[in-house]
C-alpha cells in the first residue's frame, strides 16, 4: 500500500498522512470496541440491579473485572507478539 512511485512529492506526503490518519482512527475504533466489550462483560457480571449510585461491592467488582480483562488482553497480545517475532526469525 506504500507504492506511490507515480505520485508527486506532495501527493506522496498527502497519501502518507492519510494512511497515518486512517491508522489513528482504526486505533480509536479498536479502543472504543474494547471499552464497549469491558462494559458489556463487566456490567453483566457485576451489576445486579442498577441504582442511583454504585455500592461498594459493585464498584469493587467492576474495577476487578476491568483489571482482569486488561491483564488478560495484554497477556494474549504479548504472547501473540512473541509468536510472530519467533516466526519472523
Protein backbone atom coordinates (compact mmCIF):
# COMPACT_ATOMS: atom_id res chain seq x y z
CA UNK A 1 0.00 0.00 0.00
CA UNK A 2 3.06 2.22 0.19
CA UNK A 3 3.63 2.09 -3.58
CA UNK A 4 3.49 5.77 -4.51
CA UNK A 5 6.06 5.66 -7.34
CA UNK A 6 3.88 7.59 -9.80
CA UNK A 7 2.92 10.30 -7.32
CA UNK A 8 4.48 13.73 -6.94
CA UNK A 9 6.25 14.55 -3.68
CA UNK A 10 3.23 16.46 -2.37
CA UNK A 11 0.86 13.63 -3.37
CA UNK A 12 3.12 11.13 -1.61
CA UNK A 13 3.11 13.29 1.52
CA UNK A 14 -0.69 13.59 1.39
CA UNK A 15 -1.12 9.85 0.88
CA UNK A 16 1.26 9.07 3.73
CA UNK A 17 -0.58 11.50 6.02
CA UNK A 18 -3.90 9.96 5.01
CA UNK A 19 -2.58 6.49 5.85
CA UNK A 20 -1.41 7.77 9.24
CA UNK A 21 -4.79 9.35 9.94
CA UNK A 22 -6.58 6.12 8.96
CA UNK A 23 -4.32 4.13 11.29
CA UNK A 24 -5.08 6.54 14.16
CA UNK A 25 -8.82 6.26 13.51
CA UNK A 26 -8.55 2.46 13.43
CA UNK A 27 -6.77 2.53 16.79
CA UNK A 28 -9.51 4.76 18.21
CA UNK A 29 -12.18 2.37 16.91
CA UNK A 30 -10.37 -0.61 18.44
CA UNK A 31 -10.12 1.20 21.78
CA UNK A 32 -13.82 2.07 21.71
CA UNK A 33 -14.71 -1.53 20.85
CA UNK A 34 -12.60 -2.75 23.77
CA UNK A 35 -14.28 -0.30 26.17
CA UNK A 36 -17.68 -1.44 24.89
CA UNK A 37 -16.64 -5.06 25.47
CA UNK A 38 -15.46 -4.23 29.04
CA UNK A 39 -18.77 -2.54 29.70
CA UNK A 40 -20.86 -5.46 28.46
CA UNK A 41 -18.92 -8.21 30.21
CA UNK A 42 -18.33 -6.44 33.49
CA UNK A 43 -21.83 -4.94 33.70
CA UNK A 44 -23.41 -8.36 33.25
CA UNK A 45 -21.05 -9.89 35.80
CA UNK A 46 -21.17 -7.21 38.50
CA UNK A 47 -24.38 -5.19 38.38
CA UNK A 48 -27.38 -6.99 39.83
CA UNK A 49 -29.81 -4.08 39.83
CA UNK A 50 -28.93 -0.57 38.64
CA UNK A 51 -29.49 2.20 41.14
CA UNK A 52 -28.71 5.87 41.53
CA UNK A 53 -25.14 5.03 42.60
CA UNK A 54 -22.85 2.02 42.88
CA UNK A 55 -22.48 0.22 46.17
CA UNK A 56 -19.00 -0.76 47.36
CA UNK A 57 -19.31 -4.40 46.27
CA UNK A 58 -20.44 -3.49 42.75
CA UNK A 59 -17.72 -0.86 42.34
CA UNK A 60 -15.05 -3.28 43.56
CA UNK A 61 -16.35 -5.98 41.22
CA UNK A 62 -16.30 -3.61 38.23
CA UNK A 63 -12.75 -2.46 38.95
CA UNK A 64 -11.51 -6.04 39.38
CA UNK A 65 -13.33 -7.19 36.26
CA UNK A 66 -11.83 -4.47 34.06
CA UNK A 67 -8.35 -5.03 35.52
CA UNK A 68 -8.58 -8.78 34.81
CA UNK A 69 -9.85 -8.06 31.31
CA UNK A 70 -6.95 -5.67 30.63
CA UNK A 71 -4.38 -8.08 32.10
CA UNK A 72 -5.72 -10.94 30.00
CA UNK A 73 -5.76 -8.83 26.84
CA UNK A 74 -2.17 -7.70 27.44
CA UNK A 75 -1.02 -11.27 28.11
CA UNK A 76 -2.62 -12.54 24.92
CA UNK A 77 -1.25 -9.61 22.90
CA UNK A 78 2.26 -10.09 24.28
CA UNK A 79 2.13 -13.84 23.61
CA UNK A 80 0.92 -13.25 20.07
CA UNK A 81 3.71 -10.71 19.51
CA UNK A 82 6.29 -13.25 20.74
CA UNK A 83 4.89 -15.90 18.41
CA UNK A 84 5.02 -13.51 15.44
CA UNK A 85 8.59 -12.46 16.27
CA UNK A 86 9.71 -16.08 16.57
CA UNK A 87 8.08 -16.84 13.23
CA UNK A 88 9.87 -13.89 11.59
CA UNK A 89 13.32 -15.17 12.54
